[in-house]
């Protein structure tokens, strides 16, 4: 037999049931929000195919790629919770948003998302700038002439010189070797050798031509090997770096020491293998064109010793005298 509830019990149950339903309806879940944005590069062009990542609490992450218009969108974002948007792309530094806390149902558009070049790309730009600076410095050095006409190209008067590229090292060497005064200088030394009857070539114009060729070949091999080839291979700078300050003693030590210590392309001081090696190789090559009576180990080391002594003397003259006689260098350093 079915048991019927009393009418008042039914009414009370109905009232409490409706109240419970009303309470549930009056407290709905907050509406979620949306974040959109458009990504551009430093030129203002849209950046398609880069990654936008939404980072939330407790390691929550969502990532999307920007579309052809550089746009992205994140839906169903909980309100009242801080989020961050990170945009990243190959060759670009990451872009990070501040903390984003949405209100229920809020539609937020992020603006100003502009990707900057990554550090690696910036470094390439810096290297290009260094090459431009070094080229400009070499152009100034090619105008340095003692008394206005004697080449003085291998001296650095700038406080912050840029390292030379291999191309610039060869350029400076060839510019020096082919300068008319260099050729005239070889002719002058050949005349002195002719008068002293050394090396053992014959006399007359033929002997003078042989002595001229030997002197020019000595300088050419020294400049190319010690001033371009070895410095390029060993990443060393073949130039003399003018000090110009400090006590006379410190300047003299710097001048003499530059024969044995040079500046590397990395800016550090290191053994001057380039110049010393150039002197040795130049002396060894002289055995191929000097008279047979002058050839041998003595020619190699004799030439080496003369070159080292001349280099030390040149350093002292550069440090204490030649700058005042070089018009293009007086206002530099």
Protein backbone atom coordinates (compact mmCIF):
# COMPACT_ATOMS: atom_id res chain seq x y z
CA UNK A 1 0.00 0.00 0.00
CA UNK A 2 1.43 3.35 -1.04
CA UNK A 3 2.10 5.76 1.86
CA UNK A 4 1.06 9.32 1.10
CA UNK A 5 3.02 12.22 2.59
CA UNK A 6 0.95 14.70 4.49
CA UNK A 7 0.32 17.85 2.46
CA UNK A 8 2.34 20.13 4.77
CA UNK A 9 5.36 17.81 4.51
CA UNK A 10 5.15 18.07 0.72
CA UNK A 11 4.94 21.85 0.88
CA UNK A 12 7.95 22.15 3.25
CA UNK A 13 10.03 19.88 1.03
CA UNK A 14 9.08 21.94 -2.03
CA UNK A 15 10.02 25.22 -0.33
CA UNK A 16 13.43 23.97 0.83
CA UNK A 17 14.12 22.40 -2.57
CA UNK A 18 13.35 25.68 -4.38
CA UNK A 19 15.56 27.58 -1.92
CA UNK A 20 18.43 25.27 -2.60
CA UNK A 21 17.95 25.67 -6.36
CA UNK A 22 17.73 29.44 -5.99
CA UNK A 23 20.94 29.49 -3.94
CA UNK A 24 22.72 27.47 -6.60
CA UNK A 25 21.51 29.72 -9.43
CA UNK A 26 22.47 32.92 -7.57
CA UNK A 27 26.19 31.94 -7.36
CA UNK A 28 27.27 30.95 -10.93
CA UNK A 29 30.90 30.25 -11.89
CA UNK A 30 32.75 33.49 -12.94
CA UNK A 31 32.99 33.97 -16.68
CA UNK A 32 36.43 33.34 -18.16
CA UNK A 33 38.42 35.96 -20.04
CA UNK A 34 40.42 36.27 -23.26
CA UNK A 35 43.86 37.69 -24.09
CA UNK A 36 44.87 38.58 -27.64
CA UNK A 37 47.90 40.34 -29.10
CA UNK A 38 49.88 41.09 -32.26
CA UNK A 39 53.65 40.57 -32.45
CA UNK A 40 55.96 42.78 -34.56
CA UNK A 41 59.72 43.00 -35.05
CA UNK A 42 61.96 46.05 -34.50
CA UNK A 43 60.99 47.44 -37.92
CA UNK A 44 57.30 47.24 -37.11
CA UNK A 45 56.64 44.31 -39.48
CA UNK A 46 54.32 41.55 -38.24
CA UNK A 47 56.08 38.42 -36.96
CA UNK A 48 54.24 35.23 -37.99
CA UNK A 49 55.32 31.81 -36.72
CA UNK A 50 56.74 32.91 -33.38
CA UNK A 51 55.62 31.29 -30.13
CA UNK A 52 53.37 32.97 -27.56
CA UNK A 53 53.16 31.17 -24.22
CA UNK A 54 50.60 31.82 -21.47
CA UNK A 55 52.10 31.03 -18.07
CA UNK A 56 49.83 30.69 -15.05
CA UNK A 57 50.07 29.52 -11.44
CA UNK A 58 51.35 26.07 -10.48
CA UNK A 59 53.30 25.69 -13.73
CA UNK A 60 50.26 26.03 -15.99
CA UNK A 61 51.37 26.73 -19.59
CA UNK A 62 49.69 27.07 -22.94
CA UNK A 63 51.54 27.87 -26.16
CA UNK A 64 50.36 28.92 -29.62
CA UNK A 65 52.08 30.17 -32.76
CA UNK A 66 51.26 33.57 -34.20
CA UNK A 67 49.26 33.53 -37.41
CA UNK A 68 50.16 35.15 -40.74
CA UNK A 69 49.17 38.52 -39.30
CA UNK A 70 51.38 38.05 -36.22
CA UNK A 71 48.32 37.55 -34.00
CA UNK A 72 47.61 35.13 -31.17
CA UNK A 73 44.71 34.45 -28.78
CA UNK A 74 44.19 32.70 -25.44
CA UNK A 75 40.62 31.86 -24.34
CA UNK A 76 39.10 30.46 -21.14
CA UNK A 77 41.40 32.38 -18.81
CA UNK A 78 40.40 32.27 -15.16
CA UNK A 79 39.68 35.70 -13.67
CA UNK A 80 41.44 36.89 -10.55
CA UNK A 81 44.54 34.80 -11.28
CA UNK A 82 47.87 36.39 -12.39
CA UNK A 83 49.20 35.25 -15.77
CA UNK A 84 52.23 36.17 -17.87
CA UNK A 85 52.59 36.09 -21.65
CA UNK A 86 56.06 35.25 -23.07
CA UNK A 87 56.76 35.67 -26.78
CA UNK A 88 59.84 34.01 -28.28
CA UNK A 89 61.25 33.44 -31.74
CA UNK A 90 64.49 32.26 -33.34
CA UNK A 91 67.01 35.09 -33.50
CA UNK A 92 65.00 37.29 -31.14
CA UNK A 93 65.18 38.03 -27.44
CA UNK A 94 62.13 36.90 -25.42
CA UNK A 95 59.39 39.45 -24.78
CA UNK A 96 57.76 39.20 -21.34
CA UNK A 97 54.52 40.85 -20.26
CA UNK A 98 53.86 42.18 -16.76
CA UNK A 99 51.47 40.21 -14.51
CA UNK A 100 48.01 40.09 -16.12
CA UNK A 101 44.98 39.56 -13.83
CA UNK A 102 41.65 39.55 -15.70
CA UNK A 103 38.21 40.42 -14.42
CA UNK A 104 35.31 38.04 -15.13
CA UNK A 105 34.58 38.05 -18.84
CA UNK A 106 37.33 40.58 -19.62
CA UNK A 107 38.70 40.79 -23.19
CA UNK A 108 42.28 42.09 -22.95
CA UNK A 109 44.35 43.15 -25.97
CA UNK A 110 48.11 43.30 -25.36
CA UNK A 111 49.89 46.07 -27.26
CA UNK A 112 53.54 46.99 -27.82
CA UNK A 113 54.79 43.45 -28.35
CA UNK A 114 57.97 44.20 -30.30
CA UNK A 115 60.74 41.59 -30.60
CA UNK A 116 64.35 42.79 -30.30
CA UNK A 117 67.36 41.09 -31.87
CA UNK A 118 68.98 38.41 -29.72
CA UNK A 119 72.43 38.94 -28.19
CA UNK A 120 74.11 36.71 -30.78
CA UNK A 121 72.79 38.86 -33.62
CA UNK A 122 73.81 42.03 -31.79
CA UNK A 123 77.32 40.59 -31.46
CA UNK A 124 77.49 40.12 -35.23
CA UNK A 125 76.52 43.77 -35.63
CA UNK A 126 79.26 44.77 -33.19
CA UNK A 127 81.81 42.78 -35.19
CA UNK A 128 80.72 44.55 -38.38
CA UNK A 129 81.12 47.90 -36.61
CA UNK A 130 84.62 46.90 -35.45
CA UNK A 131 85.61 46.12 -39.04
CA UNK A 132 84.37 49.54 -40.13
CA UNK A 133 86.31 51.23 -37.33
CA UNK A 134 89.49 49.25 -38.13
CA UNK A 135 89.17 50.16 -41.82
CA UNK A 136 88.87 53.85 -40.98
CA UNK A 137 91.90 53.63 -38.69
CA UNK A 138 93.98 51.95 -41.41
CA UNK A 139 92.96 54.68 -43.84
CA UNK A 140 94.32 57.24 -41.37
CA UNK A 141 97.50 55.23 -40.84
CA UNK A 142 98.11 55.12 -44.59
CA UNK A 143 98.33 58.92 -44.48
CA UNK A 144 100.98 58.94 -41.74
CA UNK A 145 104.28 60.09 -43.23
CA UNK A 146 107.38 61.32 -41.44
CA UNK A 147 108.24 64.81 -42.69
CA UNK A 148 105.24 64.45 -44.94
CA UNK A 149 106.72 61.87 -47.34
CA UNK A 150 108.34 58.86 -45.54
CA UNK A 151 105.78 56.05 -44.87
CA UNK A 152 104.95 55.53 -41.20
CA UNK A 153 101.97 53.24 -41.65
CA UNK A 154 102.66 50.65 -38.96
CA UNK A 155 102.11 52.90 -35.93
CA UNK A 156 98.88 53.12 -33.90
CA UNK A 157 98.19 56.45 -32.17
CA UNK A 158 94.53 55.81 -31.32
CA UNK A 159 93.64 55.08 -27.70
CA UNK A 160 91.10 52.36 -28.53
CA UNK A 161 92.18 50.69 -31.78
CA UNK A 162 89.99 48.02 -33.33
CA UNK A 163 91.66 44.69 -34.25
CA UNK A 164 92.68 44.26 -37.88
CA UNK A 165 91.09 41.67 -40.10
CA UNK A 166 93.38 39.49 -42.22
CA UNK A 167 92.34 41.54 -45.24
CA UNK A 168 93.45 44.77 -43.56
CA UNK A 169 96.78 43.22 -42.53
CA UNK A 170 97.52 42.30 -46.14
CA UNK A 171 96.31 45.69 -47.31
CA UNK A 172 98.71 47.49 -44.97
CA UNK A 173 101.61 45.20 -45.96
CA UNK A 174 101.08 45.65 -49.70
CA UNK A 175 100.56 49.40 -49.30
CA UNK A 176 103.93 49.63 -47.54
CA UNK A 177 105.77 47.31 -49.94
CA UNK A 178 104.58 49.14 -53.07
CA UNK A 179 105.00 52.69 -51.78
CA UNK A 180 107.41 54.64 -54.02
CA UNK A 181 109.50 55.72 -51.01
CA UNK A 182 109.96 52.06 -50.01
CA UNK A 183 111.31 51.32 -53.47
CA UNK A 184 113.54 54.41 -53.42
CA UNK A 185 114.80 53.38 -49.98
CA UNK A 186 115.82 49.96 -51.32
CA UNK A 187 117.69 51.70 -54.09
CA UNK A 188 119.49 53.93 -51.59
CA UNK A 189 120.58 50.97 -49.43
CA UNK A 190 121.69 49.12 -52.58
CA UNK A 191 123.95 52.06 -53.44
CA UNK A 192 125.52 51.90 -49.96
CA UNK A 193 126.05 48.14 -50.37
CA UNK A 194 127.53 48.74 -53.81
CA UNK A 195 130.03 51.15 -52.31
CA UNK A 196 130.87 48.63 -49.58
CA UNK A 197 131.01 45.76 -52.11
CA UNK A 198 128.55 43.65 -50.08
CA UNK A 199 127.05 41.12 -50.62
CA UNK A 200 129.46 39.44 -53.05
CA UNK A 201 127.77 40.48 -56.26
CA UNK A 202 129.82 41.96 -59.09
CA UNK A 203 130.28 45.69 -59.51
CA UNK A 204 128.67 47.82 -62.18
CA UNK A 205 125.02 48.31 -63.02
CA UNK A 206 124.31 44.59 -63.02
CA UNK A 207 125.70 44.24 -59.52
CA UNK A 208 123.72 47.29 -58.40
CA UNK A 209 120.55 45.73 -59.84
CA UNK A 210 121.28 42.49 -57.97
CA UNK A 211 121.83 44.37 -54.72
CA UNK A 212 118.69 46.40 -55.27
CA UNK A 213 116.68 43.22 -55.90
CA UNK A 214 118.11 41.54 -52.81
CA UNK A 215 117.36 44.53 -50.58
CA UNK A 216 113.82 44.89 -51.91
CA UNK A 217 113.22 41.12 -51.59
CA UNK A 218 114.43 41.23 -47.98
CA UNK A 219 111.94 43.96 -47.14
CA UNK A 220 109.12 42.39 -49.14
CA UNK A 221 109.40 38.94 -47.52
CA UNK A 222 109.74 40.53 -44.08
CA UNK A 223 106.65 42.71 -44.58
CA UNK A 224 104.48 39.99 -46.12
CA UNK A 225 105.45 37.17 -43.74
CA UNK A 226 105.97 39.13 -40.50
CA UNK A 227 103.38 41.81 -41.22
CA UNK A 228 100.54 39.89 -42.89
CA UNK A 229 100.79 36.09 -43.20
CA UNK A 230 101.91 35.14 -39.69
CA UNK A 231 99.80 37.86 -37.98
CA UNK A 232 96.74 36.54 -39.84
CA UNK A 233 97.44 32.92 -38.91
CA UNK A 234 98.40 33.68 -35.29
CA UNK A 235 95.81 36.47 -34.80
CA UNK A 236 98.44 39.03 -33.82
CA UNK A 237 98.69 42.73 -34.62
CA UNK A 238 101.89 43.66 -36.51
CA UNK A 239 101.73 47.39 -35.67
CA UNK A 240 103.59 49.41 -33.05
CA UNK A 241 101.26 50.80 -30.36
CA UNK A 242 102.43 54.24 -29.34
CA UNK A 243 102.35 54.71 -25.55
CA UNK A 244 103.06 58.44 -25.28
CA UNK A 245 102.45 58.67 -21.50
CA UNK A 246 104.29 57.66 -18.34
CA UNK A 247 107.93 58.01 -17.42
CA UNK A 248 110.68 57.93 -20.01
CA UNK A 249 111.80 54.61 -18.55
CA UNK A 250 108.38 52.98 -18.97
CA UNK A 251 108.11 54.33 -22.50
CA UNK A 252 111.58 53.06 -23.38
CA UNK A 253 110.79 49.60 -21.99
CA UNK A 254 107.55 49.59 -23.98
CA UNK A 255 109.40 50.60 -27.16
CA UNK A 256 112.15 47.99 -26.85
CA UNK A 257 109.78 45.30 -25.57
CA UNK A 258 107.45 45.68 -28.57
CA UNK A 259 110.00 43.69 -30.59
CA UNK A 260 109.32 40.67 -28.37
CA UNK A 261 105.78 41.33 -27.12
CA UNK A 262 102.86 42.21 -29.40
CA UNK A 263 99.16 42.83 -29.06
CA UNK A 264 96.87 40.00 -30.08
CA UNK A 265 93.63 40.48 -31.97
CA UNK A 266 91.89 39.67 -28.67
CA UNK A 267 93.48 42.76 -27.07
CA UNK A 268 95.90 40.79 -24.87
CA UNK A 269 99.69 41.07 -24.97
CA UNK A 270 101.55 37.95 -26.09
CA UNK A 271 104.95 36.79 -27.46
CA UNK A 272 105.65 38.47 -30.81
CA UNK A 273 106.03 35.27 -32.79
CA UNK A 274 104.86 37.00 -35.98
CA UNK A 275 107.66 39.56 -36.22
CA UNK A 276 110.43 37.29 -34.92
CA UNK A 277 109.26 34.46 -37.15
CA UNK A 278 109.11 36.84 -40.10
CA UNK A 279 112.74 37.86 -39.56
CA UNK A 280 113.87 34.22 -39.46
CA UNK A 281 111.92 33.17 -42.55
CA UNK A 282 113.07 36.25 -44.45
CA UNK A 283 116.69 35.42 -43.62
CA UNK A 284 116.18 31.80 -44.69
CA UNK A 285 114.68 32.88 -48.02
CA UNK A 286 117.67 35.16 -48.63
CA UNK A 287 119.71 31.98 -49.10
CA UNK A 288 117.90 31.43 -52.39
CA UNK A 289 119.06 34.67 -54.05
CA UNK A 290 122.21 35.83 -52.25
CA UNK A 291 125.60 34.93 -53.77
CA UNK A 292 126.68 31.42 -52.84
CA UNK A 293 129.63 32.79 -50.87
CA UNK A 294 127.21 34.65 -48.57
CA UNK A 295 124.76 31.84 -47.98
CA UNK A 296 124.49 29.63 -44.92
CA UNK A 297 123.30 29.65 -41.33
CA UNK A 298 125.28 32.83 -40.72
CA UNK A 299 123.16 34.71 -43.27
CA UNK A 300 119.92 33.58 -41.57
CA UNK A 301 120.91 34.53 -38.04
CA UNK A 302 122.92 37.55 -39.12
CA UNK A 303 119.88 38.95 -40.93
CA UNK A 304 117.72 38.03 -37.94
CA UNK A 305 120.01 39.89 -35.52
CA UNK A 306 120.14 42.99 -37.70
CA UNK A 307 116.36 43.02 -38.07
CA UNK A 308 115.79 42.62 -34.31
CA UNK A 309 118.23 45.43 -33.50
CA UNK A 310 116.64 47.66 -36.15
CA UNK A 311 113.17 46.92 -34.76
CA UNK A 312 114.22 47.86 -31.23
CA UNK A 313 115.78 51.10 -32.49
CA UNK A 314 112.66 51.84 -34.51
CA UNK A 315 110.51 51.44 -31.39
CA UNK A 316 112.58 54.00 -29.51
CA UNK A 317 112.50 56.44 -32.41
CA UNK A 318 108.74 55.97 -32.79
CA UNK A 319 108.09 56.53 -29.10
CA UNK A 320 110.25 59.63 -28.62
CA UNK A 321 110.68 61.35 -32.00
CA UNK A 322 108.68 60.40 -35.06
CA UNK A 323 105.25 61.43 -33.85
CA UNK A 324 106.39 65.06 -33.76
CA UNK A 325 107.63 64.66 -37.33
CA UNK A 326 104.43 63.02 -38.58
CA UNK A 327 101.89 65.80 -39.36
CA UNK A 328 98.86 63.49 -39.57
CA UNK A 329 99.54 62.07 -36.09
CA UNK A 330 100.14 65.19 -34.01
CA UNK A 331 96.53 65.73 -32.94
CA UNK A 332 95.67 62.10 -32.28
CA UNK A 333 95.86 59.81 -29.19
